[in-house]
Protein backbone atom coordinates (compact mmCIF):
# COMPACT_ATOMS: atom_id res chain seq x y z
CA UNK A 1 -11.48 10.81 15.31
CA UNK A 2 -12.05 12.00 11.74
CA UNK A 3 -11.01 10.36 8.54
CA UNK A 4 -9.55 12.48 5.75
CA UNK A 5 -8.78 11.42 2.19
CA UNK A 6 -5.10 11.84 1.41
CA UNK A 7 -3.92 13.19 -1.92
CA UNK A 8 -1.21 10.98 -3.02
CA UNK A 9 0.18 13.37 -5.57
CA UNK A 10 0.49 15.96 -2.86
CA UNK A 11 2.35 13.41 -0.69
CA UNK A 12 5.02 13.02 -3.45
CA UNK A 13 5.95 16.68 -2.85
CA UNK A 14 7.55 16.01 0.58
CA UNK A 15 9.58 18.98 1.84
CA UNK A 16 9.85 21.62 4.38
CA UNK A 17 7.37 21.37 7.24
CA UNK A 18 6.27 17.94 6.15
CA UNK A 19 9.17 16.43 7.78
CA UNK A 20 7.30 16.84 11.01
CA UNK A 21 5.19 13.93 10.08
CA UNK A 22 7.04 10.57 10.68
CA UNK A 23 8.86 8.84 7.89
CA UNK A 24 6.93 5.59 8.61
CA UNK A 25 3.71 7.34 7.88
CA UNK A 26 4.99 8.90 4.72
CA UNK A 27 6.18 5.51 3.51
CA UNK A 28 2.75 4.05 4.20
CA UNK A 29 1.16 6.69 2.23
CA UNK A 30 3.43 6.30 -0.70
CA UNK A 31 2.49 2.60 -0.74
CA UNK A 32 -0.99 3.80 -1.57
CA UNK A 33 -2.75 3.98 1.81
CA UNK A 34 -5.68 6.32 0.81
CA UNK A 35 -6.93 7.57 4.24
CA UNK A 36 -5.70 8.52 7.52
CA UNK A 37 -7.08 8.95 11.08
CA UNK A 38 -6.18 12.20 13.02
CA UNK A 39 -7.40 14.07 16.00
CA UNK A 40 -9.69 16.87 15.00
CA UNK A 41 -8.57 20.09 16.70
CA UNK A 42 -10.67 23.33 16.57
CA UNK A 43 -10.11 25.04 13.24
CA UNK A 44 -8.81 21.88 11.44
CA UNK A 45 -10.16 20.39 8.16
CA UNK A 46 -13.57 18.64 7.81
CA UNK A 47 -13.73 14.97 6.83
CA UNK A 48 -13.03 14.31 3.19
CA UNK A 49 -11.01 17.59 2.39
CA UNK A 50 -7.88 17.22 0.49
CA UNK A 51 -4.94 17.24 2.77
CA UNK A 52 -1.13 17.48 2.41
CA UNK A 53 1.57 16.28 4.79
CA UNK A 54 2.55 19.87 5.69
CA UNK A 55 -1.11 20.61 6.58
CA UNK A 56 -1.27 17.48 8.71
CA UNK A 57 1.95 18.50 10.49
CA UNK A 58 0.83 21.90 11.24
CA UNK A 59 -2.76 21.19 12.05
CA UNK A 60 -3.22 17.70 13.37
CA UNK A 61 -2.00 15.15 15.75
CA UNK A 62 -1.29 11.57 14.54
CA UNK A 63 -3.02 8.95 16.45
CA UNK A 64 -0.36 7.00 18.27
CA UNK A 65 -2.72 4.08 19.01
CA UNK A 66 -2.79 2.99 15.43
CA UNK A 67 -0.25 0.70 13.64
CA UNK A 68 -0.19 3.00 10.67
CA UNK A 69 1.28 1.24 7.61
CA UNK A 70 1.03 -2.25 9.10
CA UNK A 71 -1.32 -4.81 7.67
CA UNK A 72 -0.15 -8.02 9.46
CA UNK A 73 1.16 -8.68 12.86
CA UNK A 74 2.85 -12.10 13.72
CA UNK A 75 1.85 -13.46 17.20
CA UNK A 76 4.35 -15.91 18.35
CA UNK A 77 2.07 -17.39 21.16
CA UNK A 78 4.74 -19.95 22.17
CA UNK A 79 8.33 -20.80 21.73
CA UNK A 80 7.71 -24.50 21.96
CA UNK A 81 8.49 -26.50 18.86
CA UNK A 82 9.07 -30.06 17.77
CA UNK A 83 11.68 -28.99 15.22
CA UNK A 84 15.20 -27.60 15.77
CA UNK A 85 15.67 -25.63 12.55
CA UNK A 86 19.23 -24.27 12.21
CA UNK A 87 17.94 -21.18 10.49
CA UNK A 88 15.09 -20.36 12.77
CA UNK A 89 14.60 -16.73 13.90
CA UNK A 90 11.75 -17.46 16.19
CA UNK A 91 11.72 -16.94 19.89
CA UNK A 92 13.65 -19.13 22.28
CA UNK A 93 13.62 -19.91 25.95
CA UNK A 94 10.20 -18.28 26.79
CA UNK A 95 9.05 -20.48 29.49
CA UNK A 96 5.96 -18.46 30.74
CA UNK A 97 3.98 -17.20 27.70
CA UNK A 98 1.03 -14.92 28.20
CA UNK A 99 -2.09 -16.68 29.49
CA UNK A 100 -5.23 -17.07 27.45
CA UNK A 101 -6.88 -13.88 28.85
CA UNK A 102 -3.83 -11.70 28.18
CA UNK A 103 -3.39 -13.23 24.63
CA UNK A 104 -7.03 -12.26 24.04
CA UNK A 105 -6.43 -8.63 25.14
CA UNK A 106 -3.28 -8.58 22.85
CA UNK A 107 -5.39 -9.95 19.77
CA UNK A 108 -8.07 -7.35 20.54
CA UNK A 109 -5.67 -4.43 20.64
CA UNK A 110 -4.12 -5.66 17.29
CA UNK A 111 -7.65 -5.56 15.77
CA UNK A 112 -8.25 -2.13 17.26
CA UNK A 113 -4.90 -0.86 15.84
CA UNK A 114 -6.23 -0.98 12.38
CA UNK A 115 -4.15 -4.10 11.32
CA UNK A 116 -6.03 -6.47 8.92
CA UNK A 117 -4.34 -9.89 9.56
CA UNK A 118 -2.90 -11.75 12.35
CA UNK A 119 -0.49 -14.69 11.92
CA UNK A 120 -0.37 -17.12 14.72
CA UNK A 121 3.09 -18.67 14.83
CA UNK A 122 5.73 -19.84 17.29
CA UNK A 123 7.45 -22.12 17.85
CA UNK A 124 4.52 -24.11 16.78
CA UNK A 125 1.33 -22.51 17.98
CA UNK A 126 -0.37 -26.02 18.10
CA UNK A 127 1.81 -26.66 21.15
CA UNK A 128 -0.61 -24.39 22.92
CA UNK A 129 -3.69 -26.05 24.15
CA UNK A 130 -5.70 -22.84 23.54
CA UNK A 131 -4.31 -22.19 19.90
CA UNK A 132 -7.81 -23.13 18.29
CA UNK A 133 -9.66 -20.84 20.75
CA UNK A 134 -7.33 -17.87 20.17
CA UNK A 135 -7.73 -18.20 16.35
CA UNK A 136 -11.48 -18.26 16.80
CA UNK A 137 -11.27 -15.10 19.08
CA UNK A 138 -9.33 -13.34 16.39
CA UNK A 139 -11.65 -14.27 13.67
CA UNK A 140 -14.63 -12.99 15.73
CA UNK A 141 -12.64 -9.93 16.47
CA UNK A 142 -12.70 -9.05 12.68
CA UNK A 143 -9.07 -10.07 11.87
CA UNK A 144 -8.06 -12.36 8.91
CA UNK A 145 -6.35 -15.37 10.36
CA UNK A 146 -3.33 -17.43 9.51
CA UNK A 147 -1.59 -20.24 11.13
CA UNK A 148 2.11 -20.87 10.61
CA UNK A 149 2.88 -24.28 11.93
CA UNK A 150 5.48 -27.12 11.58
CA UNK A 151 2.73 -29.32 10.39
CA UNK A 152 3.66 -32.40 12.45
CA UNK A 153 0.97 -31.89 15.12
CA UNK A 154 -1.91 -31.29 12.52
CA UNK A 155 -4.74 -33.90 12.68
CA UNK A 156 -8.00 -34.13 10.78
CA UNK A 157 -9.79 -33.09 14.02
CA UNK A 158 -7.73 -30.12 14.42
CA UNK A 159 -8.41 -28.96 10.84
CA UNK A 160 -12.07 -29.62 11.28
CA UNK A 161 -12.04 -27.35 14.28
CA UNK A 162 -10.15 -24.69 12.68
CA UNK A 163 -11.91 -24.59 9.40
CA UNK A 164 -14.58 -21.95 10.21
CA UNK A 165 -12.08 -19.45 11.59
CA UNK A 166 -8.97 -20.04 9.58
CA UNK A 167 -8.13 -18.33 6.20
CA UNK A 168 -4.58 -19.59 5.53
CA UNK A 169 -2.30 -22.18 6.73
CA UNK A 170 1.53 -21.91 6.18
CA UNK A 171 3.65 -25.18 6.10
CA UNK A 172 7.42 -25.51 5.90
CA UNK A 173 8.83 -27.92 3.18
CA UNK A 174 12.75 -28.00 3.30
CA UNK A 175 13.08 -30.79 0.53
CA UNK A 176 11.35 -32.71 -2.24
CA UNK A 177 12.16 -35.92 -0.34
CA UNK A 178 12.77 -37.15 3.09
CA UNK A 179 16.56 -37.27 2.77
CA UNK A 180 16.97 -33.67 1.78
CA UNK A 181 14.36 -32.49 4.26
CA UNK A 182 15.91 -34.35 7.18
CA UNK A 183 19.22 -32.20 6.79
CA UNK A 184 17.31 -29.22 8.47
CA UNK A 185 14.21 -30.89 9.80
CA UNK A 186 13.73 -33.91 12.07
CA UNK A 187 13.13 -37.32 10.41
CA UNK A 188 9.69 -37.84 9.30
CA UNK A 189 8.77 -34.22 8.82
CA UNK A 190 8.46 -34.54 5.06
CA UNK A 191 5.90 -37.31 5.42
CA UNK A 192 4.06 -35.19 7.95
CA UNK A 193 3.74 -32.29 5.61
CA UNK A 194 2.43 -34.41 2.76
CA UNK A 195 -0.08 -35.95 5.21
CA UNK A 196 -1.21 -32.52 6.23
CA UNK A 197 -1.59 -31.35 2.59
CA UNK A 198 -3.78 -34.38 1.87
CA UNK A 199 -6.00 -33.73 4.68
CA UNK A 200 -6.25 -30.02 3.75
CA UNK A 201 -7.91 -30.97 0.44
CA UNK A 202 -11.15 -31.30 2.43
CA UNK A 203 -11.08 -27.74 3.42
CA UNK A 204 -10.75 -25.65 0.19
CA UNK A 205 -11.73 -22.41 1.99
CA UNK A 206 -8.30 -22.50 3.72
CA UNK A 207 -5.58 -21.05 1.48
CA UNK A 208 -2.34 -23.15 1.62
CA UNK A 209 1.08 -21.54 1.68
CA UNK A 210 4.12 -23.79 1.41
CA UNK A 211 7.49 -22.15 2.66
CA UNK A 212 10.97 -23.15 1.84
CA UNK A 213 14.01 -21.45 3.53
CA UNK A 214 16.93 -21.81 1.03
CA UNK A 215 20.11 -23.02 2.53
CA UNK A 216 23.26 -24.67 1.27
CA UNK A 217 21.58 -28.01 2.00
CA UNK A 218 18.66 -27.55 -0.38
CA UNK A 219 19.60 -25.01 -2.94
CA UNK A 220 19.90 -27.53 -5.67
CA UNK A 221 16.52 -29.06 -4.80
CA UNK A 222 14.30 -25.93 -4.95
CA UNK A 223 13.06 -26.40 -8.54
CA UNK A 224 11.94 -30.05 -7.43
CA UNK A 225 10.08 -28.66 -4.44
CA UNK A 226 8.46 -26.05 -6.73
CA UNK A 227 7.18 -28.83 -8.96
CA UNK A 228 5.86 -30.75 -5.97
CA UNK A 229 4.04 -27.62 -4.79
CA UNK A 230 2.61 -27.21 -8.38
CA UNK A 231 1.47 -30.62 -8.76
CA UNK A 232 -0.32 -30.43 -5.40
CA UNK A 233 -2.13 -27.33 -6.51
CA UNK A 234 -3.83 -29.20 -9.29
CA UNK A 235 -5.34 -31.75 -6.84
CA UNK A 236 -6.89 -29.19 -4.47
CA UNK A 237 -9.69 -26.37 -4.88
CA UNK A 238 -7.77 -24.18 -2.41
CA UNK A 239 -5.50 -21.50 -3.43
CA UNK A 240 -1.83 -22.46 -3.28
CA UNK A 241 1.05 -20.09 -2.63
CA UNK A 242 4.91 -20.89 -2.50
CA UNK A 243 7.13 -18.70 -0.57
CA UNK A 244 10.83 -19.20 -1.12
CA UNK A 245 13.06 -17.51 1.47
CA UNK A 246 16.79 -16.87 1.43
CA UNK A 247 17.82 -18.10 4.83
CA UNK A 248 18.38 -14.91 6.95
CA UNK A 249 21.37 -14.59 9.47
CA UNK A 250 19.22 -13.82 12.47
CA UNK A 251 18.64 -16.11 15.38
CA UNK A 252 18.28 -16.23 19.26
CA UNK A 253 21.04 -18.90 19.35
CA UNK A 254 24.61 -19.32 17.97
CA UNK A 255 24.62 -20.34 14.31
CA UNK A 256 27.41 -21.05 11.79
CA UNK A 257 25.78 -19.12 9.02
CA UNK A 258 28.60 -19.74 6.64
CA UNK A 259 27.49 -23.46 6.40
CA UNK A 260 23.84 -22.15 5.82
CA UNK A 261 23.41 -19.02 3.91
CA UNK A 262 23.43 -18.97 0.12
CA UNK A 263 24.87 -16.05 -1.84
CA UNK A 264 22.46 -13.43 -3.19
CA UNK A 265 23.22 -14.24 -6.71
CA UNK A 266 22.69 -18.04 -6.23
CA UNK A 267 19.25 -17.17 -4.60
CA UNK A 268 18.39 -14.90 -7.62
CA UNK A 269 19.12 -17.64 -10.05
CA UNK A 270 16.34 -19.75 -8.70
CA UNK A 271 13.59 -17.75 -10.47
CA UNK A 272 14.98 -18.71 -13.90
CA UNK A 273 15.57 -22.35 -12.84
CA UNK A 274 11.88 -22.67 -11.73
CA UNK A 275 10.40 -21.03 -14.67
CA UNK A 276 6.73 -19.65 -14.90
CA UNK A 277 4.41 -21.59 -12.56
CA UNK A 278 0.89 -22.41 -14.07
CA UNK A 279 -1.30 -22.75 -10.93
CA UNK A 280 0.60 -21.27 -8.17
CA UNK A 281 1.88 -17.88 -7.04
CA UNK A 282 5.60 -17.94 -6.12
CA UNK A 283 7.13 -15.21 -3.88
CA UNK A 284 10.88 -14.85 -3.66
CA UNK A 285 12.01 -13.20 -0.42
CA UNK A 286 15.62 -12.31 -0.34
CA UNK A 287 17.63 -10.62 2.52
CA UNK A 288 16.81 -7.15 1.35
CA UNK A 289 12.94 -7.91 1.36
CA UNK A 290 13.12 -9.84 4.66
CA UNK A 291 14.82 -7.05 6.66
CA UNK A 292 12.58 -4.60 8.53
CA UNK A 293 9.44 -6.46 7.19
CA UNK A 294 7.77 -7.84 10.41
CA UNK A 295 5.92 -6.51 13.44
CA UNK A 296 5.81 -9.26 16.05
CA UNK A 297 4.42 -10.07 19.50
CA UNK A 298 6.52 -12.55 21.36
CA UNK A 299 5.30 -15.22 23.86
CA UNK A 300 5.79 -12.91 26.71
CA UNK A 301 3.67 -10.25 25.14
CA UNK A 302 6.49 -8.04 24.14
CA UNK A 303 6.46 -6.10 20.79
CA UNK A 304 9.43 -6.91 18.68
CA UNK A 305 10.44 -5.47 15.48
CA UNK A 306 13.49 -7.39 13.84
CA UNK A 307 16.05 -5.10 12.13
CA UNK A 308 19.14 -6.72 10.58
CA UNK A 309 20.39 -9.30 13.08
CA UNK A 310 18.80 -7.61 16.09
CA UNK A 311 15.49 -8.17 17.85
CA UNK A 312 14.16 -4.55 18.84
CA UNK A 313 12.06 -4.83 21.90
CA UNK A 314 9.56 -2.09 22.74
CA UNK A 315 8.18 -3.61 25.79
CA UNK A 316 4.86 -5.15 26.48
CA UNK A 317 2.57 -4.64 23.40
CA UNK A 318 -0.28 -3.86 25.75
CA UNK A 319 1.74 -1.05 27.23
CA UNK A 320 3.00 0.61 24.13
CA UNK A 321 1.39 3.96 23.87
CA UNK A 322 3.16 5.21 20.86
CA UNK A 323 3.25 2.61 18.04
CA UNK A 324 4.48 5.26 15.57
CA UNK A 325 7.67 5.90 17.61
CA UNK A 326 8.26 2.12 17.58
CA UNK A 327 7.90 1.83 13.95
CA UNK A 328 10.09 4.94 13.26
CA UNK A 329 12.93 4.04 15.53
CA UNK A 330 13.09 0.49 14.19
CA UNK A 331 13.21 1.93 10.63
CA UNK A 332 10.22 -0.51 9.75
CA UNK A 333 9.65 -0.47 6.12
CA UNK A 334 6.08 0.12 5.80
CA UNK A 335 5.79 0.43 2.00
CA UNK A 336 7.65 -2.97 1.62
CA UNK A 337 5.47 -4.63 4.22
CA UNK A 338 2.24 -3.48 2.47
CA UNK A 339 3.40 -4.65 -0.89
CA UNK A 340 4.46 -7.99 0.66
CA UNK A 341 1.16 -8.39 2.51
CA UNK A 342 -0.80 -7.62 -0.57
CA UNK A 343 0.57 -10.79 -2.24
CA UNK A 344 -1.86 -12.75 -0.04
CA UNK A 345 -5.37 -11.08 0.17
CA UNK A 346 -8.39 -13.34 0.79
CA UNK A 347 -10.78 -11.03 -0.81
CA UNK A 348 -8.95 -10.64 -4.11
CA UNK A 349 -8.83 -13.20 -6.89
CA UNK A 350 -5.25 -14.24 -7.91
CA UNK A 351 -4.40 -14.57 -11.38
CA UNK A 352 -1.45 -16.95 -12.13
CA UNK A 353 -1.11 -16.77 -15.88
């Protein structure tokens, strides 16, 4: 393989023969990806030469083994969960998840595909006995590692074991108090999250992301949750992020979405209600942002790309021989994905003011 420097100005002149190159690749380039791997055929350009899409289309072959324009893959290592969130779009009824060895092969292929970060999620990944070892394996494979957990299985011992290998932990918080939280989470969850946040103060190297899906049950409470997260950020040396989601009408079970989903205008009004944070970065993710944003591997090892209310299944991740085909047929939005992924970057300093 060779690496060529892509001229972004040239890429803005997409016409004619350039359409031979996939739309997904074009979107990734437009988001600012500055280099590209290609198969070097006889007579094609040397590494470092200025290249246009038309030149690529006529002279090269895109490597299908790379997840071009994908920064993060969500690995749902289990469907087991202690919660029963009515808005959950995670996997359901996967009784035979891949074993440890297969999970390691999946992680290795994710690393080899050019992805920067892996998010271990579920269900609750801590329901798997090998979760810590898989996170360690991912870190040692060169990936940035994140854990998305319900939080109620976290212990000081688990955090101590994770700390050398984990860069971000994501915790859900559905209310600013137990009463509101328990409308969409099981009783006691609010207390479990506060306890986990307290323990996390001992590990400032682990970034903390708090996530709130906005529903009819907690719409009025979002400013109070934001203040709670902001107050917490002043008590820890870790970077703290707050993601606010508009509950998305996608699930693997029957849901009465009319009772849950807030209108887009209601969701947009939250930014002005919250105001400007002083010490945290807040990300608002509405329906438009959330759609065609994720590349997932489900507990059975299948590659899933959600689009609208659908879960597009491309078969076993280890058996996919053309990632670009999957990304294109799903209409995966590479440019949006890359912008979203850049919101959390371990190597960059975040300025809040």
